Amino acid sequence: MPEFRIKRVYDAPAPEDGFRVLVDRIWPRGISKEAAAVELWAKEIAPSTELRRWFSHDPARWGEFRRRYLAELDGQHERLEAMRKQAGGRRLTLVYSARDQIQNQAVVLRDVLEGL
């Protein structure tokens, strides 16, 4: 079972990141594909546009965002399993662009992956 980490896309990639997966629905501003150094852009498992706009990284909405995002992920188990397999046993690093390092979709997704 791979180890799961989360990391901002704006932080420099490192060999210990292993398999890097971007988990944003839209490409991060101001970063090239080379600088992002992701092996997979999993926009289909990112929060829906509606949910992302509603949350707007408001800490007061975190609990409800988490609940709604978990509901969106509920039907994505095959995609999540496929992503784990693509990592090939390497560490899987979920890369995101949010400024908040504690309340973002990568945190929720890591928790789901660890529970599979």
C-alpha atoms as a PDB file:
ATOM      1  CA  MET A   1       0.000   0.000   0.000  1.00  0.00           C
ATOM      2  CA  PRO A   2       1.481   3.356  -0.995  1.00  0.00           C
ATOM      3  CA  GLU A   3       2.091   6.155   1.463  1.00  0.00           C
ATOM      4  CA  PHE A   4       0.041   9.303   0.821  1.00  0.00           C
ATOM      5  CA  ARG A   5       1.304  12.861   1.166  1.00  0.00           C
ATOM      6  CA  ILE A   6      -0.031  16.267   0.259  1.00  0.00           C
ATOM      7  CA  LYS A   7       1.965  19.211  -1.082  1.00  0.00           C
ATOM      8  CA  ARG A   8       1.321  22.605  -2.631  1.00  0.00           C
ATOM      9  CA  VAL A   9       1.986  22.709  -6.362  1.00  0.00           C
ATOM     10  CA  TYR A  10       4.001  25.902  -5.784  1.00  0.00           C
ATOM     11  CA  ASP A  11       6.491  24.036  -3.578  1.00  0.00           C
ATOM     12  CA  ALA A  12       9.417  22.544  -5.471  1.00  0.00           C
ATOM     13  CA  PRO A  13       8.977  18.934  -6.570  1.00  0.00           C
ATOM     14  CA  ALA A  14      11.316  16.437  -4.943  1.00  0.00           C
ATOM     15  CA  PRO A  15      12.277  12.827  -5.741  1.00  0.00           C
ATOM     16  CA  GLU A  16      10.732  11.690  -2.440  1.00  0.00           C
ATOM     17  CA  ASP A  17       7.327  12.918  -3.708  1.00  0.00           C
ATOM     18  CA  GLY A  18       7.040   9.751  -5.751  1.00  0.00           C
ATOM     19  CA  PHE A  19       3.937   9.736  -7.964  1.00  0.00           C
ATOM     20  CA  ARG A  20       2.628  13.330  -8.109  1.00  0.00           C
ATOM     21  CA  VAL A  21      -1.069  13.852  -8.820  1.00  0.00           C
ATOM     22  CA  LEU A  22      -2.663  17.278  -9.277  1.00  0.00           C
ATOM     23  CA  VAL A  23      -6.074  17.218  -7.589  1.00  0.00           C
ATOM     24  CA  ASP A  24      -7.399  20.622  -8.725  1.00  0.00           C
ATOM     25  CA  ARG A  25     -10.184  20.934 -11.296  1.00  0.00           C
ATOM     26  CA  ILE A  26      -8.525  23.950 -12.920  1.00  0.00           C
ATOM     27  CA  TRP A  27      -4.822  24.324 -13.690  1.00  0.00           C
ATOM     28  CA  PRO A  28      -2.986  26.402 -11.047  1.00  0.00           C
ATOM     29  CA  ARG A  29      -2.206  29.989 -11.982  1.00  0.00           C
ATOM     30  CA  GLY A  30       1.310  30.933 -12.913  1.00  0.00           C
ATOM     31  CA  ILE A  31       2.814  27.457 -13.022  1.00  0.00           C
ATOM     32  CA  SER A  32       3.956  25.562 -16.084  1.00  0.00           C
ATOM     33  CA  LYS A  33       3.393  21.859 -16.610  1.00  0.00           C
ATOM     34  CA  GLU A  34       7.144  21.340 -16.291  1.00  0.00           C
ATOM     35  CA  ALA A  35       7.314  23.188 -12.961  1.00  0.00           C
ATOM     36  CA  ALA A  36       4.283  21.294 -11.621  1.00  0.00           C
ATOM     37  CA  ALA A  37       6.003  17.996 -12.451  1.00  0.00           C
ATOM     38  CA  VAL A  38       2.829  15.951 -12.087  1.00  0.00           C
ATOM     39  CA  GLU A  39       2.401  12.520 -13.607  1.00  0.00           C
ATOM     40  CA  LEU A  40      -1.385  12.716 -13.496  1.00  0.00           C
ATOM     41  CA  TRP A  41      -3.935  15.534 -13.473  1.00  0.00           C
ATOM     42  CA  ALA A  42      -6.950  13.998 -11.739  1.00  0.00           C
ATOM     43  CA  LYS A  43      -9.422  16.829 -12.306  1.00  0.00           C
ATOM     44  CA  GLU A  44     -12.354  14.394 -12.430  1.00  0.00           C
ATOM     45  CA  ILE A  45     -11.919  13.611  -8.715  1.00  0.00           C
ATOM     46  CA  ALA A  46     -11.436  17.250  -7.694  1.00  0.00           C
ATOM     47  CA  PRO A  47     -14.363  19.056  -6.063  1.00  0.00           C
ATOM     48  CA  SER A  48     -17.049  20.092  -8.533  1.00  0.00           C
ATOM     49  CA  THR A  49     -16.957  23.659  -9.803  1.00  0.00           C
ATOM     50  CA  GLU A  50     -20.127  24.420  -7.846  1.00  0.00           C
ATOM     51  CA  LEU A  51     -18.672  23.069  -4.596  1.00  0.00           C
ATOM     52  CA  ARG A  52     -15.341  24.808  -5.111  1.00  0.00           C
ATOM     53  CA  ARG A  53     -17.043  28.167  -5.726  1.00  0.00           C
ATOM     54  CA  TRP A  54     -19.388  27.713  -2.754  1.00  0.00           C
ATOM     55  CA  PHE A  55     -16.526  26.829  -0.369  1.00  0.00           C
ATOM     56  CA  SER A  56     -14.294  29.681  -1.541  1.00  0.00           C
ATOM     57  CA  HIS A  57     -11.812  28.527   1.150  1.00  0.00           C
ATOM     58  CA  ASP A  58     -13.990  30.031   3.890  1.00  0.00           C
ATOM     59  CA  PRO A  59     -12.892  28.312   7.143  1.00  0.00           C
ATOM     60  CA  ALA A  60     -16.447  28.577   8.486  1.00  0.00           C
ATOM     61  CA  ARG A  61     -17.612  26.331   5.615  1.00  0.00           C
ATOM     62  CA  TRP A  62     -14.910  23.662   6.049  1.00  0.00           C
ATOM     63  CA  GLY A  63     -17.070  21.056   7.809  1.00  0.00           C
ATOM     64  CA  GLU A  64     -19.849  21.310   5.230  1.00  0.00           C
ATOM     65  CA  PHE A  65     -17.335  21.373   2.363  1.00  0.00           C
ATOM     66  CA  ARG A  66     -15.762  18.185   3.693  1.00  0.00           C
ATOM     67  CA  ARG A  67     -19.170  16.487   3.973  1.00  0.00           C
ATOM     68  CA  ARG A  68     -20.204  17.513   0.439  1.00  0.00           C
ATOM     69  CA  TYR A  69     -16.850  16.564  -1.100  1.00  0.00           C
ATOM     70  CA  LEU A  70     -16.970  13.148   0.574  1.00  0.00           C
ATOM     71  CA  ALA A  71     -20.409  12.698  -1.013  1.00  0.00           C
ATOM     72  CA  GLU A  72     -18.946  13.591  -4.427  1.00  0.00           C
ATOM     73  CA  LEU A  73     -16.107  11.112  -3.919  1.00  0.00           C
ATOM     74  CA  ASP A  74     -18.508   8.356  -2.922  1.00  0.00           C
ATOM     75  CA  GLY A  75     -18.970   7.273  -6.550  1.00  0.00           C
ATOM     76  CA  GLN A  76     -15.291   7.574  -7.466  1.00  0.00           C
ATOM     77  CA  HIS A  77     -13.815   4.459  -5.843  1.00  0.00           C
ATOM     78  CA  GLU A  78     -12.792   2.881  -9.176  1.00  0.00           C
ATOM     79  CA  ARG A  79     -10.921   6.049 -10.200  1.00  0.00           C
ATOM     80  CA  LEU A  80      -9.254   6.297  -6.798  1.00  0.00           C
ATOM     81  CA  GLU A  81      -8.178   2.647  -6.925  1.00  0.00           C
ATOM     82  CA  ALA A  82      -6.819   3.134 -10.464  1.00  0.00           C
ATOM     83  CA  MET A  83      -4.811   6.147  -9.276  1.00  0.00           C
ATOM     84  CA  ARG A  84      -3.344   4.085  -6.416  1.00  0.00           C
ATOM     85  CA  LYS A  85      -2.359   1.357  -8.891  1.00  0.00           C
ATOM     86  CA  GLN A  86      -0.722   3.910 -11.203  1.00  0.00           C
ATOM     87  CA  ALA A  87       1.551   4.908  -8.329  1.00  0.00           C
ATOM     88  CA  GLY A  88       3.006   1.411  -8.567  1.00  0.00           C
ATOM     89  CA  GLY A  89       3.766   1.145  -4.863  1.00  0.00           C
ATOM     90  CA  ARG A  90       5.575   4.494  -4.759  1.00  0.00           C
ATOM     91  CA  ARG A  91       4.570   7.286  -2.395  1.00  0.00           C
ATOM     92  CA  LEU A  92       1.552   9.107  -3.850  1.00  0.00           C
ATOM     93  CA  THR A  93       1.682  12.880  -3.384  1.00  0.00           C
ATOM     94  CA  LEU A  94      -1.558  14.800  -3.865  1.00  0.00           C
ATOM     95  CA  VAL A  95      -0.643  18.210  -5.250  1.00  0.00           C
ATOM     96  CA  TYR A  96      -2.993  21.193  -4.834  1.00  0.00           C
ATOM     97  CA  SER A  97      -2.892  24.975  -5.289  1.00  0.00           C
ATOM     98  CA  ALA A  98      -4.886  26.296  -2.301  1.00  0.00           C
ATOM     99  CA  ARG A  99      -3.102  28.591   0.135  1.00  0.00           C
ATOM    100  CA  ASP A 100      -4.661  26.888   3.155  1.00  0.00           C
ATOM    101  CA  GLN A 101      -2.558  23.813   3.880  1.00  0.00           C
ATOM    102  CA  ILE A 102      -4.976  22.379   6.452  1.00  0.00           C
ATOM    103  CA  GLN A 103      -8.431  22.902   4.932  1.00  0.00           C
ATOM    104  CA  ASN A 104      -8.316  21.876   1.273  1.00  0.00           C
ATOM    105  CA  GLN A 105      -9.512  19.044  -0.952  1.00  0.00           C
ATOM    106  CA  ALA A 106      -6.176  17.195  -0.851  1.00  0.00           C
ATOM    107  CA  VAL A 107      -6.587  16.673   2.899  1.00  0.00           C
ATOM    108  CA  VAL A 108     -10.024  15.096   2.377  1.00  0.00           C
ATOM    109  CA  LEU A 109      -8.798  12.997  -0.549  1.00  0.00           C
ATOM    110  CA  ARG A 110      -5.786  11.713   1.407  1.00  0.00           C
ATOM    111  CA  ASP A 111      -8.091  10.611   4.216  1.00  0.00           C
ATOM    112  CA  VAL A 112     -10.294   8.753   1.727  1.00  0.00           C
ATOM    113  CA  LEU A 113      -7.314   7.051   0.055  1.00  0.00           C
ATOM    114  CA  GLU A 114      -5.895   5.973   3.403  1.00  0.00           C
ATOM    115  CA  GLY A 115      -9.237   4.376   4.203  1.00  0.00           C
ATOM    116  CA  LEU A 116      -9.472   2.317   0.984  1.00  0.00           C
END
